[in-house]
Amino acid sequence: MTTSRLSLLMLFAVLASTLTGCAAIGDIFKGGIWVGAIAVFLVVAIVWWLVSKMSGGSGSDGGTTGGTSA
């Protein structure tokens, strides 16, 4: 694949994602402020969960089981 075709493909990908984002924002405004607030909360929660999974945060405390030490 040549560089010009790759650039064109990337341009189309950016345009496609941008246009769907505009449609989603329009639907949120039609739904009202509470739909928007819930949608933003869900997106932030999903991003936070993904970042914590990627950083290796499994919620463990370093391998200790919380019992007494010997």
N, C-alpha and C. Protein backbone atom coordinates (compact mmCIF):
# COMPACT_ATOMS: atom_id res chain seq x y z
N MET A 1 0.85 -1.17 0.00
CA MET A 1 0.00 0.00 0.00
C MET A 1 0.89 1.23 0.00
N THR A 2 0.62 2.16 -0.89
CA THR A 2 1.45 3.34 -0.99
C THR A 2 1.11 4.34 0.11
N THR A 3 1.98 5.30 0.29
CA THR A 3 1.79 6.30 1.35
C THR A 3 0.56 7.15 1.09
N SER A 4 0.30 7.48 -0.16
CA SER A 4 -0.87 8.31 -0.46
C SER A 4 -2.17 7.55 -0.18
N ARG A 5 -2.19 6.27 -0.47
CA ARG A 5 -3.39 5.48 -0.17
C ARG A 5 -3.58 5.32 1.34
N LEU A 6 -2.48 5.17 2.05
CA LEU A 6 -2.57 5.06 3.51
C LEU A 6 -3.06 6.37 4.10
N SER A 7 -2.59 7.50 3.59
CA SER A 7 -3.05 8.80 4.06
C SER A 7 -4.53 8.98 3.78
N LEU A 8 -4.97 8.57 2.61
CA LEU A 8 -6.38 8.68 2.26
C LEU A 8 -7.24 7.79 3.16
N LEU A 9 -6.77 6.61 3.45
CA LEU A 9 -7.48 5.71 4.34
C LEU A 9 -7.59 6.31 5.74
N MET A 10 -6.51 6.89 6.22
CA MET A 10 -6.54 7.53 7.55
C MET A 10 -7.50 8.72 7.57
N LEU A 11 -7.52 9.49 6.49
CA LEU A 11 -8.44 10.62 6.40
C LEU A 11 -9.89 10.14 6.45
N PHE A 12 -10.21 9.09 5.71
CA PHE A 12 -11.56 8.55 5.75
C PHE A 12 -11.91 8.01 7.13
N ALA A 13 -10.96 7.39 7.81
CA ALA A 13 -11.22 6.86 9.15
C ALA A 13 -11.51 7.99 10.13
N VAL A 14 -10.74 9.07 10.03
CA VAL A 14 -10.96 10.22 10.91
C VAL A 14 -12.32 10.86 10.62
N LEU A 15 -12.64 11.02 9.35
CA LEU A 15 -13.94 11.61 9.00
C LEU A 15 -15.10 10.74 9.47
N ALA A 16 -14.97 9.44 9.32
CA ALA A 16 -16.04 8.54 9.74
C ALA A 16 -16.25 8.60 11.25
N SER A 17 -15.17 8.62 12.02
CA SER A 17 -15.32 8.67 13.47
C SER A 17 -15.82 10.03 13.92
N THR A 18 -15.43 11.10 13.23
CA THR A 18 -15.89 12.44 13.60
C THR A 18 -17.37 12.60 13.32
N LEU A 19 -17.82 12.12 12.18
CA LEU A 19 -19.22 12.29 11.83
C LEU A 19 -20.12 11.48 12.75
N THR A 20 -19.72 10.30 13.15
CA THR A 20 -20.55 9.52 14.07
C THR A 20 -20.56 10.17 15.45
N GLY A 21 -19.47 10.84 15.82
CA GLY A 21 -19.44 11.55 17.10
C GLY A 21 -20.43 12.69 17.12
N CYS A 22 -20.56 13.40 15.99
CA CYS A 22 -21.52 14.49 15.90
C CYS A 22 -22.95 13.96 16.02
N ALA A 23 -23.21 12.83 15.41
CA ALA A 23 -24.55 12.24 15.50
C ALA A 23 -24.85 11.82 16.93
N ALA A 24 -23.86 11.28 17.62
CA ALA A 24 -24.07 10.86 19.01
C ALA A 24 -24.35 12.07 19.90
N ILE A 25 -23.62 13.16 19.69
CA ILE A 25 -23.85 14.36 20.49
C ILE A 25 -25.24 14.92 20.22
N GLY A 26 -25.67 14.89 18.96
CA GLY A 26 -27.02 15.34 18.64
C GLY A 26 -28.09 14.50 19.33
N ASP A 27 -27.89 13.19 19.38
CA ASP A 27 -28.84 12.32 20.07
C ASP A 27 -28.85 12.59 21.56
N ILE A 28 -27.69 12.89 22.14
CA ILE A 28 -27.63 13.18 23.57
C ILE A 28 -28.41 14.46 23.87
N PHE A 29 -28.27 15.48 23.02
CA PHE A 29 -29.01 16.72 23.25
C PHE A 29 -30.51 16.50 23.09
N LYS A 30 -30.91 15.61 22.20
CA LYS A 30 -32.32 15.31 22.05
C LYS A 30 -32.85 14.59 23.29
N GLY A 31 -32.02 13.76 23.89
CA GLY A 31 -32.45 12.99 25.05
C GLY A 31 -32.54 13.79 26.33
N GLY A 32 -31.80 14.87 26.42
CA GLY A 32 -31.86 15.69 27.62
C GLY A 32 -30.58 15.64 28.41
N ILE A 33 -30.54 16.45 29.44
CA ILE A 33 -29.32 16.60 30.23
C ILE A 33 -29.00 15.34 31.03
N TRP A 34 -30.02 14.64 31.50
CA TRP A 34 -29.74 13.45 32.32
C TRP A 34 -29.18 12.31 31.48
N VAL A 35 -29.65 12.18 30.25
CA VAL A 35 -29.09 11.16 29.36
C VAL A 35 -27.63 11.48 29.08
N GLY A 36 -27.33 12.77 28.86
CA GLY A 36 -25.95 13.19 28.63
C GLY A 36 -25.07 12.94 29.83
N ALA A 37 -25.58 13.25 31.02
CA ALA A 37 -24.81 13.05 32.24
C ALA A 37 -24.52 11.57 32.47
N ILE A 38 -25.50 10.72 32.25
CA ILE A 38 -25.30 9.28 32.42
C ILE A 38 -24.33 8.75 31.38
N ALA A 39 -24.44 9.24 30.14
CA ALA A 39 -23.54 8.79 29.09
C ALA A 39 -22.10 9.18 29.39
N VAL A 40 -21.89 10.41 29.86
CA VAL A 40 -20.55 10.85 30.21
C VAL A 40 -20.00 10.03 31.37
N PHE A 41 -20.82 9.77 32.37
CA PHE A 41 -20.38 8.96 33.51
C PHE A 41 -19.98 7.56 33.06
N LEU A 42 -20.77 6.96 32.19
CA LEU A 42 -20.44 5.61 31.71
C LEU A 42 -19.15 5.60 30.90
N VAL A 43 -18.96 6.59 30.05
CA VAL A 43 -17.74 6.64 29.25
C VAL A 43 -16.52 6.82 30.13
N VAL A 44 -16.60 7.70 31.12
CA VAL A 44 -15.48 7.92 32.04
C VAL A 44 -15.20 6.66 32.85
N ALA A 45 -16.25 5.97 33.29
CA ALA A 45 -16.07 4.75 34.06
C ALA A 45 -15.40 3.66 33.22
N ILE A 46 -15.79 3.53 31.97
CA ILE A 46 -15.19 2.52 31.09
C ILE A 46 -13.73 2.85 30.82
N VAL A 47 -13.44 4.12 30.54
CA VAL A 47 -12.06 4.51 30.30
C VAL A 47 -11.22 4.27 31.54
N TRP A 48 -11.74 4.61 32.70
CA TRP A 48 -11.01 4.40 33.97
C TRP A 48 -10.74 2.91 34.19
N TRP A 49 -11.73 2.08 33.91
CA TRP A 49 -11.57 0.64 34.07
C TRP A 49 -10.51 0.10 33.11
N LEU A 50 -10.55 0.57 31.85
CA LEU A 50 -9.56 0.11 30.86
C LEU A 50 -8.15 0.54 31.26
N VAL A 51 -7.99 1.77 31.73
CA VAL A 51 -6.66 2.24 32.13
C VAL A 51 -6.16 1.44 33.33
N SER A 52 -7.04 1.15 34.28
CA SER A 52 -6.61 0.37 35.44
C SER A 52 -6.23 -1.05 35.04
N LYS A 53 -6.92 -1.63 34.06
CA LYS A 53 -6.57 -2.97 33.59
C LYS A 53 -5.24 -2.95 32.84
N MET A 54 -5.01 -1.91 32.05
CA MET A 54 -3.78 -1.83 31.28
C MET A 54 -2.57 -1.57 32.17
N SER A 55 -2.77 -0.85 33.27
CA SER A 55 -1.65 -0.56 34.16
C SER A 55 -1.36 -1.71 35.11
N GLY A 56 -2.14 -2.74 35.08
CA GLY A 56 -1.91 -3.92 35.89
C GLY A 56 -2.54 -3.83 37.27
N GLY A 57 -3.40 -2.89 37.48
CA GLY A 57 -4.06 -2.75 38.78
C GLY A 57 -5.17 -3.76 38.93
N SER A 58 -4.87 -4.88 39.59
CA SER A 58 -5.88 -5.91 39.77
C SER A 58 -6.54 -5.82 41.13
N GLY A 59 -6.16 -4.83 41.92
CA GLY A 59 -6.77 -4.67 43.23
C GLY A 59 -6.10 -5.48 44.32
N SER A 60 -5.02 -6.20 44.02
CA SER A 60 -4.35 -6.96 45.04
C SER A 60 -3.37 -6.08 45.81
N ASP A 61 -3.00 -6.53 47.00
CA ASP A 61 -2.10 -5.73 47.84
C ASP A 61 -0.70 -6.32 47.87
N GLY A 62 -0.22 -6.73 46.74
CA GLY A 62 1.15 -7.21 46.66
C GLY A 62 1.32 -8.69 46.99
N GLY A 63 0.25 -9.43 46.99
CA GLY A 63 0.36 -10.86 47.19
C GLY A 63 0.09 -11.31 48.62
N THR A 64 -0.12 -10.41 49.55
CA THR A 64 -0.41 -10.84 50.92
C THR A 64 -1.86 -11.24 51.01
N THR A 65 -2.14 -12.16 51.89
CA THR A 65 -3.50 -12.68 52.02
C THR A 65 -4.22 -12.07 53.20
N GLY A 66 -3.57 -11.23 53.96
CA GLY A 66 -4.25 -10.55 55.05
C GLY A 66 -4.26 -11.34 56.36
N GLY A 67 -3.60 -12.46 56.40
CA GLY A 67 -3.55 -13.25 57.65
C GLY A 67 -2.43 -12.77 58.55
N THR A 68 -2.08 -13.60 59.52
CA THR A 68 -0.98 -13.27 60.41
C THR A 68 0.32 -13.62 59.76
N SER A 69 1.37 -12.88 60.09
CA SER A 69 2.69 -13.18 59.51
C SER A 69 3.43 -14.15 60.40
N ALA A 70 4.24 -15.01 59.81
CA ALA A 70 4.96 -16.03 60.56
C ALA A 70 6.29 -15.56 61.04
